[in-house]
Amino acid sequence: MKQQDAKPEQALPHDLILEGRNKLTVTGVRRVIRCDAEGAAMLTSKGTLELTGAELSVTSLDLDKGEVKLTGRVDTLEYTAEHTPGGFLRRLVR
């Protein structure tokens, strides 16, 4: 019997809206990995997004909608590449 609370993974639309480097809205968020005053990392529908800054704080978090809003100074936004297990070796051995 399947568990009723489990939701299937959906392809959430992913957008970044940065206003004046001090107000950021991120959509398509599946999970917040970490968040503090100097940075945050979150799993989005387009990969892992990492950001750094100063005096960052979450003003709104709605994971049902996949939306996170932050305020503070945003210095960098960076996506990290997802690694496939055995990717290099698998290509090498083919």
C-alpha atoms as a PDB file:
ATOM      1  CA  MET A   1       0.000   0.000   0.000  1.00  0.00           C
ATOM      2  CA  LYS A   2       1.354   3.436  -0.940  1.00  0.00           C
ATOM      3  CA  GLN A   3       1.850   6.166   1.596  1.00  0.00           C
ATOM      4  CA  GLN A   4      -0.670   8.997   1.120  1.00  0.00           C
ATOM      5  CA  ASP A   5       1.676  11.789   2.256  1.00  0.00           C
ATOM      6  CA  ALA A   6       4.331  11.148  -0.404  1.00  0.00           C
ATOM      7  CA  LYS A   7       4.188  13.618  -3.302  1.00  0.00           C
ATOM      8  CA  PRO A   8       5.544  12.760  -6.732  1.00  0.00           C
ATOM      9  CA  GLU A   9       8.477  14.910  -7.908  1.00  0.00           C
ATOM     10  CA  GLN A  10       7.157  17.603 -10.217  1.00  0.00           C
ATOM     11  CA  ALA A  11       9.065  19.726 -12.669  1.00  0.00           C
ATOM     12  CA  LEU A  12       8.687  23.074 -10.912  1.00  0.00           C
ATOM     13  CA  PRO A  13       9.360  26.201 -12.964  1.00  0.00           C
ATOM     14  CA  HIS A  14      12.577  27.821 -11.752  1.00  0.00           C
ATOM     15  CA  ASP A  15      13.176  31.584 -11.719  1.00  0.00           C
ATOM     16  CA  LEU A  16      15.454  34.030  -9.930  1.00  0.00           C
ATOM     17  CA  ILE A  17      14.249  37.577  -9.327  1.00  0.00           C
ATOM     18  CA  LEU A  18      16.914  39.843  -7.855  1.00  0.00           C
ATOM     19  CA  GLU A  19      15.863  43.388  -7.000  1.00  0.00           C
ATOM     20  CA  GLY A  20      18.666  45.847  -6.309  1.00  0.00           C
ATOM     21  CA  ARG A  21      20.980  43.102  -4.969  1.00  0.00           C
ATOM     22  CA  ASN A  22      19.088  43.145  -1.672  1.00  0.00           C
ATOM     23  CA  LYS A  23      15.842  41.288  -2.356  1.00  0.00           C
ATOM     24  CA  LEU A  24      15.839  37.806  -3.925  1.00  0.00           C
ATOM     25  CA  THR A  25      12.957  35.529  -4.870  1.00  0.00           C
ATOM     26  CA  VAL A  26      13.737  31.964  -5.953  1.00  0.00           C
ATOM     27  CA  THR A  27      11.076  29.643  -7.374  1.00  0.00           C
ATOM     28  CA  GLY A  28      11.364  25.960  -8.182  1.00  0.00           C
ATOM     29  CA  VAL A  29      12.945  25.207  -4.783  1.00  0.00           C
ATOM     30  CA  ARG A  30      12.658  21.592  -3.682  1.00  0.00           C
ATOM     31  CA  ARG A  31      14.716  21.763  -0.482  1.00  0.00           C
ATOM     32  CA  VAL A  32      16.748  24.297   1.491  1.00  0.00           C
ATOM     33  CA  ILE A  33      20.087  22.687   2.323  1.00  0.00           C
ATOM     34  CA  ARG A  34      21.461  25.485   4.510  1.00  0.00           C
ATOM     35  CA  CYS A  35      20.823  29.139   5.221  1.00  0.00           C
ATOM     36  CA  ASP A  36      22.585  31.651   7.455  1.00  0.00           C
ATOM     37  CA  ALA A  37      23.481  35.354   7.430  1.00  0.00           C
ATOM     38  CA  GLU A  38      26.439  34.818   5.047  1.00  0.00           C
ATOM     39  CA  GLY A  39      24.951  32.380   2.537  1.00  0.00           C
ATOM     40  CA  ALA A  40      22.480  29.724   1.532  1.00  0.00           C
ATOM     41  CA  ALA A  41      22.233  26.578  -0.562  1.00  0.00           C
ATOM     42  CA  MET A  42      19.069  25.115  -2.003  1.00  0.00           C
ATOM     43  CA  LEU A  43      18.121  22.284  -4.286  1.00  0.00           C
ATOM     44  CA  THR A  44      16.078  23.619  -7.211  1.00  0.00           C
ATOM     45  CA  SER A  45      14.454  21.999 -10.206  1.00  0.00           C
ATOM     46  CA  LYS A  46      17.523  23.136 -12.231  1.00  0.00           C
ATOM     47  CA  GLY A  47      20.259  22.004  -9.827  1.00  0.00           C
ATOM     48  CA  THR A  48      21.826  23.180  -6.583  1.00  0.00           C
ATOM     49  CA  LEU A  49      21.921  26.959  -6.164  1.00  0.00           C
ATOM     50  CA  GLU A  50      24.456  28.459  -3.754  1.00  0.00           C
ATOM     51  CA  LEU A  51      24.519  32.113  -2.812  1.00  0.00           C
ATOM     52  CA  THR A  52      26.719  34.277  -0.637  1.00  0.00           C
ATOM     53  CA  GLY A  53      26.187  37.704   0.827  1.00  0.00           C
ATOM     54  CA  ALA A  54      25.784  39.567   4.081  1.00  0.00           C
ATOM     55  CA  GLU A  55      22.937  40.001   6.548  1.00  0.00           C
ATOM     56  CA  LEU A  56      20.823  37.478   4.627  1.00  0.00           C
ATOM     57  CA  SER A  57      17.532  36.407   6.105  1.00  0.00           C
ATOM     58  CA  VAL A  58      14.572  34.403   4.862  1.00  0.00           C
ATOM     59  CA  THR A  59      11.434  36.523   4.743  1.00  0.00           C
ATOM     60  CA  SER A  60       9.200  33.856   3.228  1.00  0.00           C
ATOM     61  CA  LEU A  61       9.508  30.088   2.785  1.00  0.00           C
ATOM     62  CA  ASP A  62       6.816  28.026   1.059  1.00  0.00           C
ATOM     63  CA  LEU A  63       8.134  24.639  -0.063  1.00  0.00           C
ATOM     64  CA  ASP A  64       4.665  23.530  -1.155  1.00  0.00           C
ATOM     65  CA  LYS A  65       4.848  26.252  -3.822  1.00  0.00           C
ATOM     66  CA  GLY A  66       8.642  25.922  -4.108  1.00  0.00           C
ATOM     67  CA  GLU A  67       9.293  29.580  -3.295  1.00  0.00           C
ATOM     68  CA  VAL A  68      11.903  31.232  -1.073  1.00  0.00           C
ATOM     69  CA  LYS A  69      12.291  34.978  -0.499  1.00  0.00           C
ATOM     70  CA  LEU A  70      15.428  36.468   1.055  1.00  0.00           C
ATOM     71  CA  THR A  71      16.599  39.944   1.975  1.00  0.00           C
ATOM     72  CA  GLY A  72      20.117  41.207   2.595  1.00  0.00           C
ATOM     73  CA  ARG A  73      23.084  41.898   0.328  1.00  0.00           C
ATOM     74  CA  VAL A  74      23.516  39.245  -2.376  1.00  0.00           C
ATOM     75  CA  ASP A  75      27.119  38.943  -3.590  1.00  0.00           C
ATOM     76  CA  THR A  76      27.161  35.732  -5.647  1.00  0.00           C
ATOM     77  CA  LEU A  77      24.723  33.254  -7.168  1.00  0.00           C
ATOM     78  CA  GLU A  78      26.196  29.979  -8.403  1.00  0.00           C
ATOM     79  CA  TYR A  79      24.836  26.689  -9.661  1.00  0.00           C
ATOM     80  CA  THR A  80      26.845  23.570  -8.935  1.00  0.00           C
ATOM     81  CA  ALA A  81      26.984  20.773 -11.472  1.00  0.00           C
ATOM     82  CA  GLU A  82      25.401  17.506 -10.512  1.00  0.00           C
ATOM     83  CA  HIS A  83      27.777  14.568 -10.635  1.00  0.00           C
ATOM     84  CA  THR A  84      26.642  11.239 -12.011  1.00  0.00           C
ATOM     85  CA  PRO A  85      28.108   8.296 -10.109  1.00  0.00           C
ATOM     86  CA  GLY A  86      30.857   6.664 -12.144  1.00  0.00           C
ATOM     87  CA  GLY A  87      30.374   9.215 -14.928  1.00  0.00           C
ATOM     88  CA  PHE A  88      34.039   9.622 -15.888  1.00  0.00           C
ATOM     89  CA  LEU A  89      34.919   5.945 -15.520  1.00  0.00           C
ATOM     90  CA  ARG A  90      31.800   4.875 -17.352  1.00  0.00           C
ATOM     91  CA  ARG A  91      32.740   7.074 -20.339  1.00  0.00           C
ATOM     92  CA  LEU A  92      36.356   5.894 -20.180  1.00  0.00           C
ATOM     93  CA  VAL A  93      35.520   2.169 -20.166  1.00  0.00           C
ATOM     94  CA  ARG A  94      32.958   2.244 -22.990  1.00  0.00           C
END
